[in-house]
Amino acid sequence: MPLTGVTAVVLNVTVTNPTQDGHLIVQPHGVARPNVSNLNFLAGQTVSNLVVVPVVDGRVTFYNNTGSADVIADLNGWFTS
């Protein structure tokens, strides 16, 4: 992936080993958290989803609303200006 000029990334995001039912939000770095989730999961479940998210300052943010979970993000591609 280029170090500059990336406007969005395509990620396969997986949540595994969550301790509680919840949801994960993948969002552009530094912006207000949206009211929609990218993955919903039950305690102990492994769930994945393909996510396209804008990149701000070269970063994205992951937010887990409750408990703890392992999060795996595989980069599948990116968009440039």
N, C-alpha and C. Protein backbone atom coordinates (compact mmCIF):
# COMPACT_ATOMS: atom_id res chain seq x y z
N MET A 1 0.84 -1.16 0.00
CA MET A 1 0.00 0.00 0.00
C MET A 1 0.90 1.24 0.00
N PRO A 2 0.57 2.24 -0.80
CA PRO A 2 1.37 3.47 -0.81
C PRO A 2 1.32 4.18 0.55
N LEU A 3 2.35 4.92 0.88
CA LEU A 3 2.38 5.65 2.14
C LEU A 3 1.55 6.93 2.08
N THR A 4 1.30 7.46 0.89
CA THR A 4 0.52 8.69 0.75
C THR A 4 -0.51 8.51 -0.36
N GLY A 5 -1.52 9.36 -0.36
CA GLY A 5 -2.51 9.38 -1.42
C GLY A 5 -3.63 8.37 -1.28
N VAL A 6 -3.64 7.57 -0.22
CA VAL A 6 -4.70 6.58 -0.03
C VAL A 6 -5.92 7.28 0.55
N THR A 7 -7.08 7.12 -0.10
CA THR A 7 -8.31 7.78 0.36
C THR A 7 -9.24 6.82 1.10
N ALA A 8 -9.13 5.52 0.84
CA ALA A 8 -9.96 4.51 1.52
C ALA A 8 -9.28 3.16 1.40
N VAL A 9 -9.63 2.26 2.33
CA VAL A 9 -9.10 0.90 2.29
C VAL A 9 -10.23 -0.11 2.29
N VAL A 10 -9.95 -1.28 1.73
CA VAL A 10 -10.86 -2.42 1.73
C VAL A 10 -10.27 -3.44 2.70
N LEU A 11 -11.00 -3.72 3.77
CA LEU A 11 -10.51 -4.62 4.82
C LEU A 11 -11.47 -5.78 5.02
N ASN A 12 -10.93 -6.97 5.22
CA ASN A 12 -11.73 -8.07 5.73
C ASN A 12 -11.48 -8.06 7.23
N VAL A 13 -12.49 -7.68 8.01
CA VAL A 13 -12.35 -7.52 9.46
C VAL A 13 -13.02 -8.70 10.15
N THR A 14 -12.30 -9.32 11.08
CA THR A 14 -12.81 -10.46 11.84
C THR A 14 -12.75 -10.15 13.32
N VAL A 15 -13.85 -10.44 14.02
CA VAL A 15 -13.89 -10.38 15.49
C VAL A 15 -13.93 -11.81 15.98
N THR A 16 -13.08 -12.14 16.94
CA THR A 16 -13.07 -13.46 17.52
C THR A 16 -12.85 -13.35 19.03
N ASN A 17 -13.31 -14.33 19.75
CA ASN A 17 -13.17 -14.38 21.21
C ASN A 17 -13.80 -13.21 21.95
N PRO A 18 -14.94 -12.66 21.50
CA PRO A 18 -15.54 -11.57 22.27
C PRO A 18 -16.06 -12.09 23.61
N THR A 19 -15.88 -11.28 24.65
CA THR A 19 -16.31 -11.69 25.98
C THR A 19 -17.79 -11.38 26.24
N GLN A 20 -18.38 -10.48 25.43
CA GLN A 20 -19.78 -10.11 25.57
C GLN A 20 -20.40 -9.91 24.19
N ASP A 21 -21.74 -9.96 24.11
CA ASP A 21 -22.43 -9.60 22.88
C ASP A 21 -22.12 -8.13 22.57
N GLY A 22 -21.95 -7.82 21.29
CA GLY A 22 -21.65 -6.43 20.97
C GLY A 22 -21.55 -6.17 19.49
N HIS A 23 -20.92 -5.05 19.17
CA HIS A 23 -20.69 -4.69 17.78
C HIS A 23 -19.36 -3.95 17.64
N LEU A 24 -18.85 -3.98 16.41
CA LEU A 24 -17.59 -3.32 16.08
C LEU A 24 -17.88 -2.29 15.00
N ILE A 25 -17.29 -1.12 15.16
CA ILE A 25 -17.40 -0.06 14.15
C ILE A 25 -16.00 0.23 13.63
N VAL A 26 -15.85 0.26 12.31
CA VAL A 26 -14.61 0.67 11.67
C VAL A 26 -14.92 2.01 11.01
N GLN A 27 -14.14 3.03 11.35
CA GLN A 27 -14.47 4.39 10.90
C GLN A 27 -13.21 5.15 10.53
N PRO A 28 -13.37 6.26 9.78
CA PRO A 28 -12.22 7.11 9.51
C PRO A 28 -11.67 7.68 10.82
N HIS A 29 -10.38 7.80 10.92
CA HIS A 29 -9.74 8.34 12.12
C HIS A 29 -10.15 9.80 12.34
N GLY A 30 -10.48 10.12 13.59
CA GLY A 30 -10.71 11.52 13.96
C GLY A 30 -12.07 12.09 13.62
N VAL A 31 -12.99 11.28 13.15
CA VAL A 31 -14.34 11.79 12.85
C VAL A 31 -15.32 11.23 13.88
N ALA A 32 -16.49 11.85 13.97
CA ALA A 32 -17.50 11.39 14.91
C ALA A 32 -17.91 9.95 14.59
N ARG A 33 -18.11 9.17 15.64
CA ARG A 33 -18.50 7.77 15.46
C ARG A 33 -19.89 7.68 14.85
N PRO A 34 -20.05 6.88 13.79
CA PRO A 34 -21.38 6.73 13.18
C PRO A 34 -22.29 5.87 14.05
N ASN A 35 -23.58 5.92 13.77
CA ASN A 35 -24.57 5.14 14.52
C ASN A 35 -24.85 3.79 13.89
N VAL A 36 -23.96 3.30 13.06
CA VAL A 36 -24.12 1.99 12.41
C VAL A 36 -22.87 1.16 12.69
N SER A 37 -23.04 -0.16 12.72
CA SER A 37 -21.90 -1.04 12.98
C SER A 37 -21.52 -1.80 11.72
N ASN A 38 -20.29 -2.28 11.71
CA ASN A 38 -19.80 -3.09 10.60
C ASN A 38 -19.92 -4.58 10.90
N LEU A 39 -19.83 -4.96 12.17
CA LEU A 39 -19.97 -6.35 12.59
C LEU A 39 -20.77 -6.40 13.88
N ASN A 40 -21.71 -7.32 13.96
CA ASN A 40 -22.45 -7.60 15.19
C ASN A 40 -22.09 -9.02 15.60
N PHE A 41 -21.90 -9.25 16.90
CA PHE A 41 -21.45 -10.56 17.34
C PHE A 41 -22.02 -10.92 18.70
N LEU A 42 -22.02 -12.21 18.99
CA LEU A 42 -22.41 -12.75 20.29
C LEU A 42 -21.15 -13.19 21.03
N ALA A 43 -21.21 -13.24 22.34
CA ALA A 43 -20.06 -13.68 23.13
C ALA A 43 -19.56 -15.03 22.62
N GLY A 44 -18.25 -15.14 22.44
CA GLY A 44 -17.63 -16.38 22.00
C GLY A 44 -17.68 -16.65 20.51
N GLN A 45 -18.37 -15.82 19.76
CA GLN A 45 -18.57 -16.03 18.32
C GLN A 45 -17.39 -15.45 17.52
N THR A 46 -17.14 -16.01 16.34
CA THR A 46 -16.20 -15.45 15.38
C THR A 46 -17.00 -14.99 14.17
N VAL A 47 -16.86 -13.72 13.81
CA VAL A 47 -17.64 -13.10 12.72
C VAL A 47 -16.70 -12.25 11.89
N SER A 48 -16.90 -12.28 10.56
CA SER A 48 -16.10 -11.42 9.68
C SER A 48 -17.01 -10.68 8.71
N ASN A 49 -16.48 -9.60 8.15
CA ASN A 49 -17.22 -8.80 7.19
C ASN A 49 -16.23 -7.99 6.37
N LEU A 50 -16.57 -7.76 5.11
CA LEU A 50 -15.77 -6.91 4.24
C LEU A 50 -16.18 -5.46 4.46
N VAL A 51 -15.19 -4.59 4.69
CA VAL A 51 -15.45 -3.20 5.06
C VAL A 51 -14.66 -2.30 4.12
N VAL A 52 -15.31 -1.26 3.60
CA VAL A 52 -14.63 -0.20 2.87
C VAL A 52 -14.74 1.05 3.74
N VAL A 53 -13.62 1.61 4.13
CA VAL A 53 -13.62 2.74 5.06
C VAL A 53 -12.65 3.83 4.58
N PRO A 54 -13.09 5.09 4.62
CA PRO A 54 -12.18 6.18 4.27
C PRO A 54 -10.99 6.24 5.23
N VAL A 55 -9.87 6.70 4.73
CA VAL A 55 -8.65 6.85 5.51
C VAL A 55 -8.43 8.34 5.77
N VAL A 56 -8.20 8.70 7.03
CA VAL A 56 -7.89 10.09 7.39
C VAL A 56 -6.55 10.09 8.10
N ASP A 57 -5.63 10.93 7.64
CA ASP A 57 -4.28 10.99 8.21
C ASP A 57 -3.60 9.63 8.19
N GLY A 58 -3.91 8.80 7.20
CA GLY A 58 -3.29 7.49 7.06
C GLY A 58 -3.80 6.44 8.02
N ARG A 59 -4.94 6.73 8.70
CA ARG A 59 -5.42 5.80 9.73
C ARG A 59 -6.92 5.58 9.66
N VAL A 60 -7.33 4.46 10.22
CA VAL A 60 -8.74 4.17 10.50
C VAL A 60 -8.83 3.81 11.98
N THR A 61 -10.04 3.86 12.54
CA THR A 61 -10.25 3.58 13.96
C THR A 61 -11.20 2.41 14.12
N PHE A 62 -10.90 1.52 15.07
CA PHE A 62 -11.76 0.39 15.40
C PHE A 62 -12.38 0.66 16.77
N TYR A 63 -13.69 0.48 16.88
CA TYR A 63 -14.39 0.70 18.15
C TYR A 63 -15.23 -0.52 18.49
N ASN A 64 -14.94 -1.12 19.65
CA ASN A 64 -15.72 -2.25 20.18
C ASN A 64 -16.57 -1.68 21.31
N ASN A 65 -17.90 -1.85 21.24
CA ASN A 65 -18.77 -1.17 22.19
C ASN A 65 -18.81 -1.79 23.57
N THR A 66 -18.37 -3.04 23.75
CA THR A 66 -18.48 -3.66 25.08
C THR A 66 -17.51 -4.82 25.22
N GLY A 67 -17.07 -5.07 26.44
CA GLY A 67 -16.20 -6.21 26.69
C GLY A 67 -14.87 -6.09 25.95
N SER A 68 -14.26 -7.23 25.70
CA SER A 68 -13.02 -7.27 24.92
C SER A 68 -13.16 -8.31 23.82
N ALA A 69 -12.37 -8.14 22.78
CA ALA A 69 -12.40 -9.07 21.65
C ALA A 69 -11.08 -8.96 20.90
N ASP A 70 -10.73 -10.02 20.19
CA ASP A 70 -9.59 -9.97 19.28
C ASP A 70 -10.11 -9.51 17.93
N VAL A 71 -9.41 -8.57 17.32
CA VAL A 71 -9.81 -8.04 16.01
C VAL A 71 -8.68 -8.27 15.03
N ILE A 72 -9.02 -8.84 13.88
CA ILE A 72 -8.05 -9.10 12.81
C ILE A 72 -8.52 -8.32 11.59
N ALA A 73 -7.63 -7.55 10.99
CA ALA A 73 -7.97 -6.78 9.79
C ALA A 73 -6.98 -7.14 8.69
N ASP A 74 -7.50 -7.73 7.61
CA ASP A 74 -6.68 -8.07 6.44
C ASP A 74 -6.93 -7.04 5.36
N LEU A 75 -5.87 -6.40 4.89
CA LEU A 75 -5.97 -5.40 3.83
C LEU A 75 -6.16 -6.11 2.49
N ASN A 76 -7.28 -5.83 1.82
CA ASN A 76 -7.56 -6.42 0.51
C ASN A 76 -7.32 -5.48 -0.65
N GLY A 77 -7.30 -4.18 -0.38
CA GLY A 77 -7.07 -3.20 -1.44
C GLY A 77 -7.22 -1.79 -0.90
N TRP A 78 -7.01 -0.81 -1.79
CA TRP A 78 -7.14 0.58 -1.39
C TRP A 78 -7.51 1.43 -2.59
N PHE A 79 -8.00 2.62 -2.29
CA PHE A 79 -8.35 3.60 -3.30
C PHE A 79 -7.41 4.78 -3.14
N THR A 80 -7.06 5.42 -4.25
CA THR A 80 -6.20 6.61 -4.22
C THR A 80 -6.90 7.73 -4.95
N SER A 81 -6.40 8.93 -4.69
CA SER A 81 -6.94 10.08 -5.40
C SER A 81 -6.37 10.12 -6.78
